[in-house]
Amino acid sequence: MQNTKEKVTASDVVIEKDKTAKGEKYNKYVKDMTPTHNIFKNILNAFLVGGIICTIGQGLINLYASWGAGEELSASYGTLSLVFLSVVLTGLNIYPKIAKFGGAGSLVPITGFANSVAAPAVEFKKEGQVFGIGCKIFTIAGPVILYGIFSSWVLGLIYYILLQLGVV
């Protein structure tokens, strides 16, 4: 048997130190570039923005009710108005700024869904009506619609089975 020993030369040590220095430099760069988040500030912003959106929605419902619309019709008009406002604000590039500030507070209400439909349409309009807007409009909202309908169907089936068994 032959005993093989690797010789460590001065150039190997320099290369190792170089790799270590590059790794440390890279890690420092990543740490400096990674944004820090204050969870309490984010929660407060989400609560604030979500609350403002819901307050505007309730104000619209009350406005439509004062104009003589019934309770259900007022709620429908309020929802439609929020969707319309969200789409207009998305087109004017204001809603993305609200979403950046408010996080989930702007994405959870119906306005966030309207934004998710309108944003790809605005982004891809330069590609044309068919291949831009037509193909990309449901890029984000499509999965939400798909799984929303599917989960509704599954829950409806469960409800029907429980109804047939006399549980409900």
C-alpha atoms as a PDB file:
ATOM      1  CA  MET A   1       0.000   0.000   0.000  1.00  0.00           C
ATOM      2  CA  GLN A   2       1.184   3.364  -0.860  1.00  0.00           C
ATOM      3  CA  ASN A   3       0.638   6.213   1.588  1.00  0.00           C
ATOM      4  CA  THR A   4      -0.392   9.341  -0.281  1.00  0.00           C
ATOM      5  CA  LYS A   5      -0.222  12.620   1.484  1.00  0.00           C
ATOM      6  CA  GLU A   6      -1.361  15.833  -0.101  1.00  0.00           C
ATOM      7  CA  LYS A   7       1.024  18.668   0.136  1.00  0.00           C
ATOM      8  CA  VAL A   8      -0.482  21.945   1.199  1.00  0.00           C
ATOM      9  CA  THR A   9       1.243  24.763  -0.519  1.00  0.00           C
ATOM     10  CA  ALA A  10       1.187  28.463   0.216  1.00  0.00           C
ATOM     11  CA  SER A  11      -0.971  29.066  -2.886  1.00  0.00           C
ATOM     12  CA  ASP A  12      -3.592  26.617  -1.550  1.00  0.00           C
ATOM     13  CA  VAL A  13      -3.771  28.563   1.702  1.00  0.00           C
ATOM     14  CA  VAL A  14      -4.148  31.832  -0.207  1.00  0.00           C
ATOM     15  CA  ILE A  15      -6.945  30.341  -2.332  1.00  0.00           C
ATOM     16  CA  GLU A  16      -8.765  29.113   0.785  1.00  0.00           C
ATOM     17  CA  LYS A  17      -8.431  32.533   2.437  1.00  0.00           C
ATOM     18  CA  ASP A  18      -9.699  34.115  -0.794  1.00  0.00           C
ATOM     19  CA  LYS A  19     -12.767  31.841  -0.822  1.00  0.00           C
ATOM     20  CA  THR A  20     -13.437  32.548   2.840  1.00  0.00           C
ATOM     21  CA  ALA A  21     -13.103  36.300   2.306  1.00  0.00           C
ATOM     22  CA  LYS A  22     -15.432  36.184  -0.711  1.00  0.00           C
ATOM     23  CA  GLY A  23     -17.949  34.147   1.278  1.00  0.00           C
ATOM     24  CA  GLU A  24     -17.866  36.585   4.169  1.00  0.00           C
ATOM     25  CA  LYS A  25     -18.124  39.536   1.799  1.00  0.00           C
ATOM     26  CA  TYR A  26     -21.103  37.927   0.053  1.00  0.00           C
ATOM     27  CA  ASN A  27     -22.848  37.156   3.357  1.00  0.00           C
ATOM     28  CA  LYS A  28     -22.352  40.764   4.476  1.00  0.00           C
ATOM     29  CA  TYR A  29     -23.776  41.991   1.156  1.00  0.00           C
ATOM     30  CA  VAL A  30     -26.839  39.744   1.503  1.00  0.00           C
ATOM     31  CA  LYS A  31     -27.397  40.895   5.082  1.00  0.00           C
ATOM     32  CA  ASP A  32     -27.107  44.557   4.045  1.00  0.00           C
ATOM     33  CA  MET A  33     -29.475  44.162   1.084  1.00  0.00           C
ATOM     34  CA  THR A  34     -32.134  42.041   2.823  1.00  0.00           C
ATOM     35  CA  PRO A  35     -34.906  44.315   4.040  1.00  0.00           C
ATOM     36  CA  THR A  36     -35.734  44.173   7.717  1.00  0.00           C
ATOM     37  CA  HIS A  37     -39.353  44.044   8.744  1.00  0.00           C
ATOM     38  CA  ASN A  38     -41.020  45.302  11.869  1.00  0.00           C
ATOM     39  CA  ILE A  39     -43.881  42.865  12.415  1.00  0.00           C
ATOM     40  CA  PHE A  40     -45.819  45.186  14.721  1.00  0.00           C
ATOM     41  CA  LYS A  41     -45.611  48.042  12.200  1.00  0.00           C
ATOM     42  CA  ASN A  42     -46.747  45.699   9.410  1.00  0.00           C
ATOM     43  CA  ILE A  43     -49.700  44.485  11.481  1.00  0.00           C
ATOM     44  CA  LEU A  44     -50.668  48.059  12.333  1.00  0.00           C
ATOM     45  CA  ASN A  45     -50.441  49.133   8.667  1.00  0.00           C
ATOM     46  CA  ALA A  46     -52.514  46.141   7.540  1.00  0.00           C
ATOM     47  CA  PHE A  47     -55.126  46.822  10.202  1.00  0.00           C
ATOM     48  CA  LEU A  48     -55.233  50.503   9.287  1.00  0.00           C
ATOM     49  CA  VAL A  49     -55.534  49.994   5.519  1.00  0.00           C
ATOM     50  CA  GLY A  50     -58.000  47.101   5.826  1.00  0.00           C
ATOM     51  CA  GLY A  51     -60.066  49.117   8.276  1.00  0.00           C
ATOM     52  CA  ILE A  52     -60.131  52.154   5.995  1.00  0.00           C
ATOM     53  CA  ILE A  53     -61.209  50.012   3.027  1.00  0.00           C
ATOM     54  CA  CYS A  54     -63.975  48.385   5.066  1.00  0.00           C
ATOM     55  CA  THR A  55     -65.075  51.762   6.462  1.00  0.00           C
ATOM     56  CA  ILE A  56     -65.312  53.165   2.922  1.00  0.00           C
ATOM     57  CA  GLY A  57     -67.322  50.090   1.936  1.00  0.00           C
ATOM     58  CA  GLN A  58     -69.707  50.517   4.860  1.00  0.00           C
ATOM     59  CA  GLY A  59     -70.019  54.225   4.058  1.00  0.00           C
ATOM     60  CA  LEU A  60     -70.964  53.373   0.483  1.00  0.00           C
ATOM     61  CA  ILE A  61     -73.535  50.829   1.675  1.00  0.00           C
ATOM     62  CA  ASN A  62     -75.050  53.427   4.012  1.00  0.00           C
ATOM     63  CA  LEU A  63     -75.052  56.005   1.202  1.00  0.00           C
ATOM     64  CA  TYR A  64     -76.883  53.687  -1.174  1.00  0.00           C
ATOM     65  CA  ALA A  65     -79.356  52.741   1.561  1.00  0.00           C
ATOM     66  CA  SER A  66     -80.064  56.434   2.219  1.00  0.00           C
ATOM     67  CA  TRP A  67     -80.830  56.815  -1.486  1.00  0.00           C
ATOM     68  CA  GLY A  68     -83.564  54.207  -1.132  1.00  0.00           C
ATOM     69  CA  ALA A  69     -81.855  50.983  -2.145  1.00  0.00           C
ATOM     70  CA  GLY A  70     -82.746  47.958  -0.042  1.00  0.00           C
ATOM     71  CA  GLU A  71     -80.289  46.218   2.258  1.00  0.00           C
ATOM     72  CA  GLU A  72     -79.203  43.591  -0.289  1.00  0.00           C
ATOM     73  CA  LEU A  73     -79.040  46.041  -3.166  1.00  0.00           C
ATOM     74  CA  SER A  74     -77.021  48.516  -1.094  1.00  0.00           C
ATOM     75  CA  ALA A  75     -74.512  45.784  -0.237  1.00  0.00           C
ATOM     76  CA  SER A  76     -74.225  44.814  -3.912  1.00  0.00           C
ATOM     77  CA  TYR A  77     -73.732  48.409  -4.991  1.00  0.00           C
ATOM     78  CA  GLY A  78     -71.147  48.899  -2.249  1.00  0.00           C
ATOM     79  CA  THR A  79     -69.206  45.852  -3.421  1.00  0.00           C
ATOM     80  CA  LEU A  80     -69.366  46.966  -7.049  1.00  0.00           C
ATOM     81  CA  SER A  81     -68.217  50.450  -6.077  1.00  0.00           C
ATOM     82  CA  LEU A  82     -65.212  49.082  -4.163  1.00  0.00           C
ATOM     83  CA  VAL A  83     -64.265  46.882  -7.117  1.00  0.00           C
ATOM     84  CA  PHE A  84     -64.597  49.853  -9.482  1.00  0.00           C
ATOM     85  CA  LEU A  85     -62.492  52.097  -7.221  1.00  0.00           C
ATOM     86  CA  SER A  86     -59.845  49.397  -6.907  1.00  0.00           C
ATOM     87  CA  VAL A  87     -59.604  48.953 -10.677  1.00  0.00           C
ATOM     88  CA  VAL A  88     -59.378  52.719 -11.247  1.00  0.00           C
ATOM     89  CA  LEU A  89     -56.707  53.092  -8.544  1.00  0.00           C
ATOM     90  CA  THR A  90     -54.803  50.158 -10.066  1.00  0.00           C
ATOM     91  CA  GLY A  91     -54.929  51.799 -13.489  1.00  0.00           C
ATOM     92  CA  LEU A  92     -53.598  55.038 -11.990  1.00  0.00           C
ATOM     93  CA  ASN A  93     -50.805  53.087 -10.215  1.00  0.00           C
ATOM     94  CA  ILE A  94     -52.078  54.162  -6.790  1.00  0.00           C
ATOM     95  CA  TYR A  95     -53.373  50.821  -5.494  1.00  0.00           C
ATOM     96  CA  PRO A  96     -49.937  49.133  -5.686  1.00  0.00           C
ATOM     97  CA  LYS A  97     -48.598  51.867  -3.376  1.00  0.00           C
ATOM     98  CA  ILE A  98     -51.488  51.257  -0.976  1.00  0.00           C
ATOM     99  CA  ALA A  99     -50.756  47.509  -1.139  1.00  0.00           C
ATOM    100  CA  LYS A 100     -47.068  48.075  -0.452  1.00  0.00           C
ATOM    101  CA  PHE A 101     -47.904  50.127   2.632  1.00  0.00           C
ATOM    102  CA  GLY A 102     -50.852  48.059   3.893  1.00  0.00           C
ATOM    103  CA  GLY A 103     -49.788  44.543   2.933  1.00  0.00           C
ATOM    104  CA  ALA A 104     -52.504  41.995   3.563  1.00  0.00           C
ATOM    105  CA  GLY A 105     -54.834  44.747   4.738  1.00  0.00           C
ATOM    106  CA  SER A 106     -55.225  45.819   1.125  1.00  0.00           C
ATOM    107  CA  LEU A 107     -55.171  42.344  -0.376  1.00  0.00           C
ATOM    108  CA  VAL A 108     -57.775  40.537   1.711  1.00  0.00           C
ATOM    109  CA  PRO A 109     -60.886  42.620   0.921  1.00  0.00           C
ATOM    110  CA  ILE A 110     -62.641  42.442  -2.454  1.00  0.00           C
ATOM    111  CA  THR A 111     -60.477  45.343  -3.587  1.00  0.00           C
ATOM    112  CA  GLY A 112     -57.404  43.109  -3.504  1.00  0.00           C
ATOM    113  CA  PHE A 113     -59.106  40.621  -5.805  1.00  0.00           C
ATOM    114  CA  ALA A 114     -60.090  43.399  -8.216  1.00  0.00           C
ATOM    115  CA  ASN A 115     -56.495  44.626  -8.139  1.00  0.00           C
ATOM    116  CA  SER A 116     -55.210  41.129  -8.921  1.00  0.00           C
ATOM    117  CA  VAL A 117     -57.384  41.036 -12.056  1.00  0.00           C
ATOM    118  CA  ALA A 118     -56.671  44.593 -13.214  1.00  0.00           C
ATOM    119  CA  ALA A 119     -52.903  44.658 -12.575  1.00  0.00           C
ATOM    120  CA  PRO A 120     -51.948  42.045 -15.208  1.00  0.00           C
ATOM    121  CA  ALA A 121     -54.255  43.729 -17.721  1.00  0.00           C
ATOM    122  CA  VAL A 122     -52.469  47.033 -17.183  1.00  0.00           C
ATOM    123  CA  GLU A 123     -49.052  45.389 -17.210  1.00  0.00           C
ATOM    124  CA  PHE A 124     -49.561  43.412 -20.437  1.00  0.00           C
ATOM    125  CA  LYS A 125     -51.668  45.894 -22.438  1.00  0.00           C
ATOM    126  CA  LYS A 126     -48.666  46.731 -24.629  1.00  0.00           C
ATOM    127  CA  GLU A 127     -48.746  43.142 -25.946  1.00  0.00           C
ATOM    128  CA  GLY A 128     -52.186  43.716 -27.455  1.00  0.00           C
ATOM    129  CA  GLN A 129     -55.808  42.922 -26.719  1.00  0.00           C
ATOM    130  CA  VAL A 130     -55.653  39.164 -27.329  1.00  0.00           C
ATOM    131  CA  PHE A 131     -52.139  38.057 -26.372  1.00  0.00           C
ATOM    132  CA  GLY A 132     -51.642  40.732 -23.728  1.00  0.00           C
ATOM    133  CA  ILE A 133     -54.820  41.543 -21.860  1.00  0.00           C
ATOM    134  CA  GLY A 134     -56.844  38.508 -22.961  1.00  0.00           C
ATOM    135  CA  CYS A 135     -54.217  35.929 -22.058  1.00  0.00           C
ATOM    136  CA  LYS A 136     -52.789  37.519 -18.930  1.00  0.00           C
ATOM    137  CA  ILE A 137     -55.801  39.099 -17.191  1.00  0.00           C
ATOM    138  CA  PHE A 138     -56.479  36.066 -14.987  1.00  0.00           C
ATOM    139  CA  THR A 139     -52.834  35.211 -14.298  1.00  0.00           C
ATOM    140  CA  ILE A 140     -53.189  35.956 -10.593  1.00  0.00           C
ATOM    141  CA  ALA A 141     -56.954  35.737 -10.131  1.00  0.00           C
ATOM    142  CA  GLY A 142     -57.400  32.513 -12.110  1.00  0.00           C
ATOM    143  CA  PRO A 143     -56.186  30.162  -9.365  1.00  0.00           C
ATOM    144  CA  VAL A 144     -58.281  32.059  -6.806  1.00  0.00           C
ATOM    145  CA  ILE A 145     -61.385  31.606  -8.957  1.00  0.00           C
ATOM    146  CA  LEU A 146     -60.576  27.955  -9.685  1.00  0.00           C
ATOM    147  CA  TYR A 147     -59.964  26.920  -6.089  1.00  0.00           C
ATOM    148  CA  GLY A 148     -62.776  29.117  -4.808  1.00  0.00           C
ATOM    149  CA  ILE A 149     -65.274  27.359  -7.057  1.00  0.00           C
ATOM    150  CA  PHE A 150     -63.791  23.938  -6.322  1.00  0.00           C
ATOM    151  CA  SER A 151     -63.842  24.433  -2.541  1.00  0.00           C
ATOM    152  CA  SER A 152     -67.420  25.728  -2.765  1.00  0.00           C
ATOM    153  CA  TRP A 153     -68.374  22.579  -4.638  1.00  0.00           C
ATOM    154  CA  VAL A 154     -66.669  20.335  -2.061  1.00  0.00           C
ATOM    155  CA  LEU A 155     -68.318  22.157   0.852  1.00  0.00           C
ATOM    156  CA  GLY A 156     -71.680  22.010  -0.924  1.00  0.00           C
ATOM    157  CA  LEU A 157     -71.259  18.269  -1.394  1.00  0.00           C
ATOM    158  CA  ILE A 158     -70.390  17.804   2.283  1.00  0.00           C
ATOM    159  CA  TYR A 159     -73.405  19.902   3.266  1.00  0.00           C
ATOM    160  CA  TYR A 160     -75.667  17.845   0.975  1.00  0.00           C
ATOM    161  CA  ILE A 161     -74.384  14.561   2.452  1.00  0.00           C
ATOM    162  CA  LEU A 162     -74.847  15.842   6.008  1.00  0.00           C
ATOM    163  CA  LEU A 163     -78.329  17.047   5.060  1.00  0.00           C
ATOM    164  CA  GLN A 164     -79.222  13.588   3.688  1.00  0.00           C
ATOM    165  CA  LEU A 165     -77.925  11.952   6.863  1.00  0.00           C
ATOM    166  CA  GLY A 166     -80.024  14.275   8.996  1.00  0.00           C
ATOM    167  CA  VAL A 167     -77.018  15.776  10.770  1.00  0.00           C
ATOM    168  CA  VAL A 168     -77.796  19.295   9.574  1.00  0.00           C
END
